[in-house]
Amino acid sequence: MLRALGWCWLIVGVMAVPFVVIAAAEGAGAAARGFSVSALMGVFAGGVALAATRSATGKAGPPVALRMALYGWLSTPLFAAAPLVAAADGLMPGLFESYSALTTTGATVLDPDTQPRAILLWRASLQWIGGFATLVLAATVFAALEAKDANLRRSTLLTVTPDNLFLNFGPAARRLGGVYGLVTAVAILLLSLTSLDAFDAVCLAFSAISTGGMTPTSAPLGSWVPVPAQIILVVTCLMGAWNIALQYELLSRGRAVRLTGDLRAMVSTCAAIGLGAAVLFGPSAAYEATLDAVFALTTTGFGLSPAPVLPTVLLLSLAVIGGSALSTSGGMKITRVIVLLRRAAGELSVLAHPSAATYTRFAGRHIPDSALFSVWVVALVFPAAIGAFTIFLGLVGVDFHAAWQIAAAMLSNAGPVAAVDYASLPAAGHGIAILAMITGRLEILAAAAAVFVILVRE
């Protein structure tokens, strides 16, 4: 576990090295010093951890992997926070920004219009690497821990070794990195072919593929991003929120071994919302409503205008649903919603035809009732967690209206969707929001299991 954490810290430290030069070249002295601190801390702590464990041979089963996932999300943003603390001029706001970027939540306390480009690119890079870490953990640790009957995360991407989960990290990183990097590179190239400059193209591509949502300016996309670039961002966000294993199959073998029901569900849901907006508000509202629905459902949180056509409660509801399993998106995952809806249809069929034999299918396979238990648990626990974090935020002085929006957005890793001023939160509110981000990134049940194995070793 310590060796895996050491790699995380070392990667952040090495990433910070070129940013020292970038910030210094911009004349941003405080940012340059912050990047120097991150580089020194990350390289030193990561190097010491790797050196101390170079001869480690112990196997890492599920309890160790769960602890590593939790400790990784808790500790790694600390090594990335120094330049953001300097930019935010405060410890808790800077930590909030760091955790928000790495967990791809996208909530921000900074005004990007006043920040040096080094800080903006650093946030975008943290989102990108955080999205990649999410994919690796989903395809290895959480795929192995999932109920074998459900298999929502399992794929032909790699053979998971449950008795030593850390052995899966290398193959998963190489295969996922190829797809993730290719989609990112294509998005940057296509965005650069529009009227966007290269810097904005990189920041937006990093944010879109990781479904992070942070942008290099505070203005809504509709005011500065041309329509072709908006369409490119929509496609990139959908790629980030779509099952990465299926994309790997399409690119490596030219075929899909799993059905694309989750992607079709995302597209059809957003199209239906756009059609509804056209009926209610006029044809001119259809385009904006459709794109805002895509950005919310993928948990990216981009917005086309300062006053969205769709109400915040609907956008947050879409974010809570989230994208596919094995993706960078947050939320409950639309895969589970599809399974539950199909099960509900089966129950209605039984009511109409008591003697009928019904069963639930997903991605071409039968899902037994025993496997649906974990899906139902997630569906019940997610709103309960929103309620709990709403209460916690209320106890530190956040009003109810903002508290439930923040709780839902943090647990869905869709910070911008809440449309609240995160900079106005008290320090304790930032701390609670950070815990909600990590809980959402671990998908609540895994976070609870990680805490359990820490408190109860056996």
Protein backbone atom coordinates (compact mmCIF):
# COMPACT_ATOMS: atom_id res chain seq x y z
CA MET A 1 0.00 0.00 0.00
CA LEU A 2 2.76 2.44 0.90
CA ARG A 3 4.49 1.72 -2.40
CA ALA A 4 1.32 2.51 -4.37
CA LEU A 5 0.86 5.73 -2.41
CA GLY A 6 4.50 6.61 -3.02
CA TRP A 7 3.92 6.44 -6.76
CA CYS A 8 0.94 8.80 -6.42
CA TRP A 9 2.98 11.35 -4.47
CA LEU A 10 5.96 11.05 -6.78
CA ILE A 11 3.83 11.61 -9.89
CA VAL A 12 2.38 14.82 -8.43
CA GLY A 13 5.86 16.00 -7.44
CA VAL A 14 7.31 15.35 -10.88
CA MET A 15 4.30 17.02 -12.51
CA ALA A 16 4.96 20.18 -10.48
CA VAL A 17 8.58 20.58 -11.67
CA PRO A 18 7.90 22.16 -15.09
CA PHE A 19 5.25 24.39 -13.55
CA VAL A 20 7.95 26.06 -11.45
CA VAL A 21 9.51 27.26 -14.68
CA ILE A 22 6.16 28.20 -16.25
CA ALA A 23 5.10 30.27 -13.23
CA ALA A 24 8.51 31.94 -12.99
CA ALA A 25 8.40 32.85 -16.67
CA GLU A 26 5.00 34.48 -16.09
CA GLY A 27 6.36 36.46 -13.18
CA ALA A 28 4.04 34.70 -10.73
CA GLY A 29 6.47 34.43 -7.84
CA ALA A 30 4.01 33.11 -5.23
CA ALA A 31 2.79 30.40 -7.61
CA ALA A 32 6.37 29.45 -8.51
CA ARG A 33 7.22 29.03 -4.84
CA GLY A 34 4.09 26.94 -4.33
CA PHE A 35 5.01 24.66 -7.22
CA SER A 36 8.51 24.32 -5.77
CA VAL A 37 7.01 23.17 -2.46
CA SER A 38 4.78 20.64 -4.22
CA ALA A 39 7.68 19.36 -6.29
CA LEU A 40 9.99 18.95 -3.29
CA MET A 41 7.33 17.38 -1.07
CA GLY A 42 6.07 14.99 -3.73
CA VAL A 43 9.47 13.85 -4.96
CA PHE A 44 10.87 13.49 -1.45
CA ALA A 45 7.89 11.67 0.11
CA GLY A 46 7.32 9.52 -2.97
CA GLY A 47 11.00 8.69 -3.31
CA VAL A 48 11.32 7.74 0.35
CA ALA A 49 8.21 5.54 0.16
CA LEU A 50 9.43 3.76 -2.96
CA ALA A 51 12.95 3.31 -1.58
CA ALA A 52 11.63 1.93 1.70
CA THR A 53 9.40 -0.61 -0.07
CA ARG A 54 11.60 -1.64 -2.99
CA SER A 55 11.87 -5.18 -1.65
CA ALA A 56 8.22 -5.49 -0.57
CA THR A 57 6.71 -8.80 -1.68
CA GLY A 58 3.46 -9.00 0.31
CA LYS A 59 0.21 -9.47 -1.53
CA ALA A 60 -2.51 -6.83 -1.44
CA GLY A 61 -6.01 -8.18 -1.05
CA PRO A 62 -9.27 -6.22 -0.94
CA PRO A 63 -8.81 -4.68 2.56
CA VAL A 64 -5.39 -3.26 1.67
CA ALA A 65 -6.64 -2.03 -1.71
CA LEU A 66 -9.59 -0.27 -0.09
CA ARG A 67 -7.33 1.45 2.43
CA MET A 68 -4.97 2.47 -0.35
CA ALA A 69 -7.81 4.00 -2.38
CA LEU A 70 -9.04 6.02 0.59
CA TYR A 71 -5.56 7.10 1.71
CA GLY A 72 -4.69 7.98 -1.87
CA TRP A 73 -7.63 10.36 -2.30
CA LEU A 74 -7.01 11.80 1.16
CA SER A 75 -3.26 12.36 0.88
CA THR A 76 -2.37 13.02 -2.77
CA PRO A 77 -4.21 16.37 -3.08
CA LEU A 78 -2.17 17.62 -0.11
CA PHE A 79 0.99 17.39 -2.21
CA ALA A 80 -0.68 19.29 -5.07
CA ALA A 81 -2.18 22.03 -2.92
CA ALA A 82 0.74 24.41 -2.25
CA PRO A 83 0.40 26.57 -5.41
CA LEU A 84 -3.39 26.63 -5.02
CA VAL A 85 -3.09 27.69 -1.38
CA ALA A 86 -0.95 30.60 -2.56
CA ALA A 87 -3.44 31.44 -5.31
CA ALA A 88 -6.44 31.28 -2.96
CA ASP A 89 -4.58 33.17 -0.21
CA GLY A 90 -5.78 30.72 2.40
CA LEU A 91 -5.20 27.16 3.56
CA MET A 92 -8.72 25.73 3.45
CA PRO A 93 -9.72 27.39 0.15
CA GLY A 94 -6.49 26.14 -1.43
CA LEU A 95 -7.04 22.63 -0.13
CA PHE A 96 -10.63 22.74 -1.36
CA GLU A 97 -9.40 23.70 -4.84
CA SER A 98 -6.82 20.90 -4.88
CA TYR A 99 -9.23 18.18 -3.75
CA SER A 100 -11.87 19.49 -6.14
CA ALA A 101 -9.49 19.29 -9.10
CA LEU A 102 -8.03 15.85 -8.37
CA THR A 103 -11.41 14.26 -7.61
CA THR A 104 -12.72 15.88 -10.85
CA THR A 105 -15.44 17.63 -8.86
CA GLY A 106 -14.78 20.96 -10.55
CA ALA A 107 -16.01 23.28 -7.78
CA THR A 108 -13.77 26.32 -7.49
CA VAL A 109 -13.07 29.16 -5.08
CA LEU A 110 -10.73 30.96 -7.50
CA ASP A 111 -11.57 33.60 -10.08
CA PRO A 112 -9.78 32.19 -13.15
CA ASP A 113 -9.75 35.62 -14.79
CA THR A 114 -7.26 36.85 -12.17
CA GLN A 115 -5.02 33.78 -12.01
CA PRO A 116 -1.77 33.16 -13.91
CA ARG A 117 -1.90 30.57 -16.64
CA ALA A 118 0.34 28.26 -14.62
CA ILE A 119 -2.39 27.89 -11.99
CA LEU A 120 -5.11 27.33 -14.59
CA LEU A 121 -3.06 24.70 -16.40
CA TRP A 122 -2.18 23.06 -13.08
CA ARG A 123 -5.87 22.70 -12.20
CA ALA A 124 -6.57 21.24 -15.63
CA SER A 125 -3.67 18.79 -15.29
CA LEU A 126 -4.84 17.68 -11.85
CA GLN A 127 -8.30 17.02 -13.27
CA TRP A 128 -6.80 14.96 -16.08
CA ILE A 129 -4.61 12.85 -13.80
CA GLY A 130 -7.49 12.50 -11.32
CA GLY A 131 -9.75 11.19 -14.06
CA PHE A 132 -7.07 8.69 -15.08
CA ALA A 133 -6.64 7.51 -11.49
CA THR A 134 -10.41 7.06 -11.26
CA LEU A 135 -10.38 4.82 -14.31
CA VAL A 136 -7.48 2.69 -13.04
CA LEU A 137 -9.11 2.17 -9.65
CA ALA A 138 -12.48 1.38 -11.23
CA ALA A 139 -11.02 -1.19 -13.62
CA THR A 140 -8.91 -2.91 -10.94
CA VAL A 141 -9.83 -2.49 -7.29
CA PHE A 142 -13.55 -1.80 -7.58
CA ALA A 143 -14.08 -4.25 -10.44
CA ALA A 144 -12.62 -7.00 -8.24
CA LEU A 145 -14.68 -6.01 -5.21
CA GLU A 146 -17.99 -5.79 -7.04
CA ALA A 147 -20.59 -8.51 -6.64
CA LYS A 148 -19.70 -11.20 -9.14
CA ASP A 149 -23.31 -11.61 -10.25
CA ALA A 150 -23.69 -7.95 -11.22
CA ASN A 151 -20.36 -7.44 -12.97
CA LEU A 152 -21.16 -3.85 -13.95
CA ARG A 153 -17.45 -2.99 -14.05
CA ARG A 154 -15.97 -6.26 -15.26
CA SER A 155 -14.80 -6.46 -18.86
CA THR A 156 -12.28 -8.07 -21.17
CA LEU A 157 -9.97 -5.11 -20.56
CA LEU A 158 -7.79 -7.24 -18.28
CA THR A 159 -8.00 -10.26 -16.03
CA VAL A 160 -8.35 -8.98 -12.49
CA THR A 161 -6.25 -10.77 -9.88
CA PRO A 162 -8.29 -10.43 -6.68
CA ASP A 163 -5.68 -11.97 -4.38
CA ASN A 164 -3.11 -9.28 -5.29
CA LEU A 165 -4.96 -6.31 -6.73
CA PHE A 166 -1.89 -4.10 -7.10
CA LEU A 167 -0.60 -6.36 -9.88
CA ASN A 168 -3.47 -5.08 -12.02
CA PHE A 169 -2.35 -1.44 -11.88
CA GLY A 170 0.40 -1.68 -14.50
CA PRO A 171 -1.59 -3.40 -17.27
CA ALA A 172 -4.66 -1.27 -16.54
CA ALA A 173 -2.66 1.97 -16.63
CA ARG A 174 -1.06 1.07 -19.98
CA ARG A 175 -4.29 0.03 -21.68
CA LEU A 176 -6.50 2.72 -20.21
CA GLY A 177 -3.79 5.33 -20.73
CA GLY A 178 -3.71 4.60 -24.44
CA VAL A 179 -7.45 5.20 -24.87
CA TYR A 180 -7.58 8.12 -22.42
CA GLY A 181 -4.58 9.81 -23.99
CA LEU A 182 -5.79 9.27 -27.54
CA VAL A 183 -9.22 10.77 -26.88
CA THR A 184 -7.58 13.72 -25.10
CA ALA A 185 -5.15 14.34 -27.97
CA VAL A 186 -7.93 14.20 -30.56
CA ALA A 187 -10.04 16.62 -28.51
CA ILE A 188 -7.15 19.08 -28.21
CA LEU A 189 -6.47 18.90 -31.94
CA LEU A 190 -10.10 19.41 -32.92
CA LEU A 191 -10.60 22.27 -30.44
CA SER A 192 -7.43 23.94 -31.75
CA LEU A 193 -8.87 23.86 -35.27
CA THR A 194 -11.68 26.16 -34.10
CA SER A 195 -11.08 29.76 -33.07
CA LEU A 196 -9.88 28.72 -29.60
CA ASP A 197 -6.23 29.30 -28.79
CA ALA A 198 -4.03 26.35 -27.85
CA PHE A 199 -4.03 27.08 -24.12
CA ASP A 200 -7.83 27.17 -23.87
CA ALA A 201 -8.07 24.03 -26.04
CA VAL A 202 -5.77 22.09 -23.69
CA CYS A 203 -7.55 23.25 -20.53
CA LEU A 204 -11.01 22.48 -21.91
CA ALA A 205 -9.97 19.10 -23.33
CA PHE A 206 -8.41 18.04 -20.01
CA SER A 207 -11.51 19.17 -18.15
CA ALA A 208 -13.98 17.55 -20.57
CA ILE A 209 -12.41 14.08 -20.82
CA SER A 210 -12.01 13.93 -17.03
CA THR A 211 -15.55 15.35 -16.56
CA GLY A 212 -13.96 17.88 -14.21
CA GLY A 213 -15.67 21.08 -15.30
CA MET A 214 -13.06 23.71 -14.46
CA THR A 215 -12.55 26.31 -17.22
CA PRO A 216 -9.80 28.86 -17.90
CA THR A 217 -12.25 31.76 -17.61
CA SER A 218 -15.27 32.54 -15.46
CA ALA A 219 -17.49 33.40 -18.43
CA PRO A 220 -20.06 30.78 -19.53
CA LEU A 221 -19.06 28.71 -22.55
CA GLY A 222 -21.65 30.25 -24.81
CA SER A 223 -19.98 33.66 -24.61
CA TRP A 224 -16.50 32.64 -25.76
CA VAL A 225 -16.51 29.08 -27.10
CA PRO A 226 -17.70 28.77 -30.74
CA VAL A 227 -20.47 26.35 -31.59
CA PRO A 228 -18.19 23.78 -33.30
CA ALA A 229 -16.02 23.70 -30.17
CA GLN A 230 -19.13 23.27 -28.01
CA ILE A 231 -20.10 20.19 -30.01
CA ILE A 232 -16.57 18.82 -29.65
CA LEU A 233 -16.79 19.32 -25.88
CA VAL A 234 -20.14 17.50 -25.79
CA VAL A 235 -18.64 14.49 -27.56
CA THR A 236 -15.54 14.56 -25.35
CA CYS A 237 -17.63 14.70 -22.17
CA LEU A 238 -19.68 11.75 -23.38
CA MET A 239 -16.47 9.83 -24.10
CA GLY A 240 -15.26 10.58 -20.59
CA ALA A 241 -18.57 9.49 -19.07
CA TRP A 242 -18.87 6.36 -21.22
CA ASN A 243 -17.52 2.93 -20.31
CA ILE A 244 -13.76 3.04 -21.02
CA ALA A 245 -13.58 -0.74 -21.44
CA LEU A 246 -15.99 -0.61 -24.35
CA GLN A 247 -13.94 2.15 -25.96
CA TYR A 248 -10.84 -0.01 -25.54
CA GLU A 249 -12.57 -2.87 -27.32
CA LEU A 250 -13.67 -0.61 -30.15
CA LEU A 251 -10.17 0.81 -30.65
CA SER A 252 -8.07 -2.32 -30.09
CA ARG A 253 -10.28 -4.97 -31.69
CA GLY A 254 -12.71 -3.02 -33.82
CA ARG A 255 -15.68 -4.54 -32.09
CA ALA A 256 -17.86 -4.03 -29.04
CA VAL A 257 -18.21 -6.96 -26.69
CA ARG A 258 -20.83 -5.21 -24.57
CA LEU A 259 -24.01 -3.43 -25.49
CA THR A 260 -24.05 0.36 -25.63
CA GLY A 261 -27.25 0.76 -23.64
CA ASP A 262 -25.70 3.21 -21.19
CA LEU A 263 -24.46 5.52 -23.96
CA ARG A 264 -27.81 5.35 -25.74
CA ALA A 265 -29.54 6.12 -22.45
CA MET A 266 -27.39 9.20 -21.87
CA VAL A 267 -27.93 10.54 -25.37
CA SER A 268 -31.66 9.80 -25.45
CA THR A 269 -32.21 11.32 -22.01
CA CYS A 270 -30.51 14.57 -23.01
CA ALA A 271 -32.33 14.64 -26.35
CA ALA A 272 -35.67 14.16 -24.59
CA ILE A 273 -34.87 17.02 -22.22
CA GLY A 274 -33.97 19.23 -25.17
CA LEU A 275 -37.25 18.34 -26.87
CA GLY A 276 -39.16 19.12 -23.69
CA ALA A 277 -37.41 22.49 -23.41
CA ALA A 278 -38.38 23.26 -27.02
CA VAL A 279 -42.03 22.57 -26.19
CA LEU A 280 -42.01 24.59 -22.97
CA PHE A 281 -39.71 27.48 -23.82
CA GLY A 282 -39.59 27.53 -27.60
CA PRO A 283 -37.34 25.97 -30.27
CA SER A 284 -34.46 28.32 -29.45
CA ALA A 285 -34.12 26.72 -25.99
CA ALA A 286 -33.63 23.18 -27.31
CA TYR A 287 -29.93 23.50 -28.13
CA GLU A 288 -28.89 25.05 -24.82
CA ALA A 289 -31.06 22.68 -22.78
CA THR A 290 -29.64 19.62 -24.57
CA LEU A 291 -26.03 20.68 -24.04
CA ASP A 292 -26.61 21.66 -20.41
CA ALA A 293 -28.25 18.27 -19.86
CA VAL A 294 -25.22 16.49 -21.37
CA PHE A 295 -22.81 18.51 -19.22
CA ALA A 296 -24.86 17.74 -16.09
CA LEU A 297 -25.45 14.05 -16.79
CA THR A 298 -21.75 13.50 -17.46
CA THR A 299 -21.04 15.39 -14.17
CA THR A 300 -18.82 17.87 -16.02
CA GLY A 301 -20.92 20.89 -15.15
CA PHE A 302 -20.09 23.22 -18.02
CA GLY A 303 -22.74 25.89 -18.59
CA LEU A 304 -23.61 27.74 -21.78
CA SER A 305 -25.19 30.79 -20.17
CA PRO A 306 -25.27 32.57 -16.78
CA ALA A 307 -28.96 31.67 -16.40
CA PRO A 308 -29.52 28.09 -17.63
CA VAL A 309 -32.81 27.18 -19.26
CA LEU A 310 -33.11 24.09 -17.08
CA PRO A 311 -33.73 24.46 -13.33
CA THR A 312 -30.89 23.63 -10.97
CA VAL A 313 -32.85 20.81 -9.34
CA LEU A 314 -33.15 19.03 -12.70
CA LEU A 315 -29.46 19.52 -13.49
CA LEU A 316 -28.49 18.17 -10.06
CA SER A 317 -30.82 15.20 -10.54
CA LEU A 318 -29.05 14.39 -13.81
CA ALA A 319 -25.67 14.70 -12.08
CA VAL A 320 -26.78 12.32 -9.33
CA ILE A 321 -27.63 9.75 -12.01
CA GLY A 322 -24.16 10.20 -13.54
CA GLY A 323 -22.48 8.43 -16.46
CA SER A 324 -21.43 4.83 -17.06
CA ALA A 325 -19.58 2.48 -14.80
CA LEU A 326 -15.85 2.38 -15.63
CA SER A 327 -15.80 6.07 -16.54
CA THR A 328 -14.48 9.33 -15.12
CA SER A 329 -17.98 10.57 -14.24
CA GLY A 330 -19.38 10.70 -10.73
CA GLY A 331 -22.89 10.06 -9.54
CA MET A 332 -24.80 6.87 -8.91
CA LYS A 333 -24.05 5.71 -12.49
CA ILE A 334 -26.70 5.45 -15.18
CA THR A 335 -25.83 1.76 -15.56
CA ARG A 336 -27.45 1.08 -12.19
CA VAL A 337 -30.44 3.23 -13.09
CA ILE A 338 -31.01 1.20 -16.26
CA VAL A 339 -30.88 -2.05 -14.28
CA LEU A 340 -33.34 -0.72 -11.70
CA LEU A 341 -35.76 0.54 -14.36
CA ARG A 342 -35.69 -2.82 -16.11
CA ARG A 343 -36.31 -4.56 -12.83
CA ALA A 344 -39.20 -2.16 -12.13
CA ALA A 345 -40.67 -3.00 -15.54
CA GLY A 346 -40.46 -6.67 -14.63
CA GLU A 347 -42.29 -6.06 -11.36
CA LEU A 348 -45.06 -4.20 -13.21
CA SER A 349 -45.29 -7.10 -15.63
CA VAL A 350 -45.78 -9.49 -12.73
CA LEU A 351 -48.56 -7.30 -11.34
CA ALA A 352 -50.35 -7.43 -14.68
CA HIS A 353 -49.57 -11.11 -15.29
CA PRO A 354 -49.00 -12.88 -11.93
CA SER A 355 -47.96 -16.14 -13.58
CA ALA A 356 -45.35 -14.53 -15.85
CA ALA A 357 -41.67 -15.41 -15.45
CA THR A 358 -39.59 -12.21 -15.51
CA TYR A 359 -35.88 -11.58 -15.33
CA THR A 360 -33.53 -8.62 -15.67
CA ARG A 361 -30.93 -8.39 -18.42
CA PHE A 362 -28.11 -5.93 -18.92
CA ALA A 363 -25.35 -5.87 -21.57
CA GLY A 364 -26.57 -9.17 -22.97
CA ARG A 365 -26.53 -11.13 -19.73
CA HIS A 366 -29.03 -12.14 -17.07
CA ILE A 367 -28.72 -10.43 -13.68
CA PRO A 368 -30.17 -12.55 -10.86
CA ASP A 369 -32.19 -11.02 -8.05
CA SER A 370 -29.35 -11.61 -5.60
CA ALA A 371 -27.10 -9.30 -7.61
CA LEU A 372 -29.73 -6.55 -7.64
CA PHE A 373 -29.35 -6.17 -3.90
CA SER A 374 -26.14 -4.14 -4.18
CA VAL A 375 -27.71 -1.97 -6.88
CA TRP A 376 -30.69 -1.24 -4.65
CA VAL A 377 -28.38 -0.45 -1.74
CA VAL A 378 -26.54 2.18 -3.78
CA ALA A 379 -29.85 3.70 -4.90
CA LEU A 380 -30.93 4.00 -1.27
CA VAL A 381 -27.62 5.07 0.22
CA PHE A 382 -26.92 7.89 -2.24
CA PRO A 383 -29.88 10.11 -1.26
CA ALA A 384 -29.28 9.24 2.40
CA ALA A 385 -25.69 10.48 2.05
CA ILE A 386 -26.95 13.70 0.44
CA GLY A 387 -29.22 14.22 3.42
CA ALA A 388 -26.41 13.53 5.91
CA PHE A 389 -23.97 15.96 4.30
CA THR A 390 -26.75 18.55 4.03
CA ILE A 391 -27.19 18.32 7.79
CA PHE A 392 -23.43 18.58 8.38
CA LEU A 393 -23.22 21.69 6.22
CA GLY A 394 -26.22 23.18 7.99
CA LEU A 395 -24.54 22.65 11.36
CA VAL A 396 -21.63 24.89 10.29
CA GLY A 397 -23.87 27.71 9.15
CA VAL A 398 -24.68 26.96 5.51
CA ASP A 399 -28.35 27.65 4.72
CA PHE A 400 -30.47 24.69 3.70
CA HIS A 401 -31.00 25.75 0.07
CA ALA A 402 -27.26 25.95 -0.59
CA ALA A 403 -26.41 23.00 1.67
CA TRP A 404 -28.41 20.37 -0.21
CA GLN A 405 -27.17 21.65 -3.57
CA ILE A 406 -23.55 21.50 -2.38
CA ALA A 407 -24.03 18.03 -0.87
CA ALA A 408 -25.57 16.66 -4.07
CA ALA A 409 -22.92 18.27 -6.27
CA MET A 410 -19.98 17.12 -4.13
CA LEU A 411 -21.20 13.53 -3.86
CA SER A 412 -21.81 13.48 -7.63
CA ASN A 413 -18.41 15.10 -8.29
CA ALA A 414 -20.27 17.75 -10.30
CA GLY A 415 -19.36 20.95 -8.49
CA PRO A 416 -20.31 23.58 -11.10
CA VAL A 417 -23.85 22.19 -11.42
CA ALA A 418 -24.81 23.50 -7.96
CA ALA A 419 -24.30 27.12 -9.09
CA VAL A 420 -23.30 28.33 -5.62
CA ASP A 421 -20.44 30.54 -4.44
CA TYR A 422 -18.00 28.06 -2.93
CA ALA A 423 -15.66 30.87 -1.88
CA SER A 424 -18.26 32.07 0.63
CA LEU A 425 -18.28 28.77 2.54
CA PRO A 426 -16.76 28.78 6.03
CA ALA A 427 -13.58 26.80 6.61
CA ALA A 428 -15.57 23.97 8.20
CA GLY A 429 -17.85 23.97 5.17
CA HIS A 430 -14.86 23.51 2.88
CA GLY A 431 -13.72 20.60 5.03
CA ILE A 432 -17.11 18.89 4.89
CA ALA A 433 -17.28 19.46 1.13
CA ILE A 434 -13.85 17.82 0.75
CA LEU A 435 -15.06 14.74 2.62
CA ALA A 436 -18.14 14.62 0.38
CA MET A 437 -15.95 14.82 -2.75
CA ILE A 438 -13.84 11.87 -1.60
CA THR A 439 -16.91 9.90 -0.57
CA GLY A 440 -18.47 10.47 -3.98
CA ARG A 441 -15.27 9.58 -5.80
CA LEU A 442 -15.18 6.26 -3.92
CA GLU A 443 -18.93 5.78 -4.59
CA ILE A 444 -20.07 5.93 -0.95
CA LEU A 445 -20.24 2.19 -0.25
CA ALA A 446 -16.57 1.70 -1.03
CA ALA A 447 -15.74 4.71 1.16
CA ALA A 448 -17.74 3.21 4.02
CA ALA A 449 -16.04 -0.16 3.48
CA ALA A 450 -12.60 1.52 3.47
CA VAL A 451 -13.32 3.24 6.78
CA PHE A 452 -14.61 -0.05 8.16
CA VAL A 453 -11.46 -2.00 7.27
CA ILE A 454 -9.35 0.76 8.81
CA LEU A 455 -11.27 0.62 12.09
CA VAL A 456 -11.73 -3.18 12.06
CA ARG A 457 -8.53 -4.77 10.78
CA GLU A 458 -9.74 -8.35 10.72
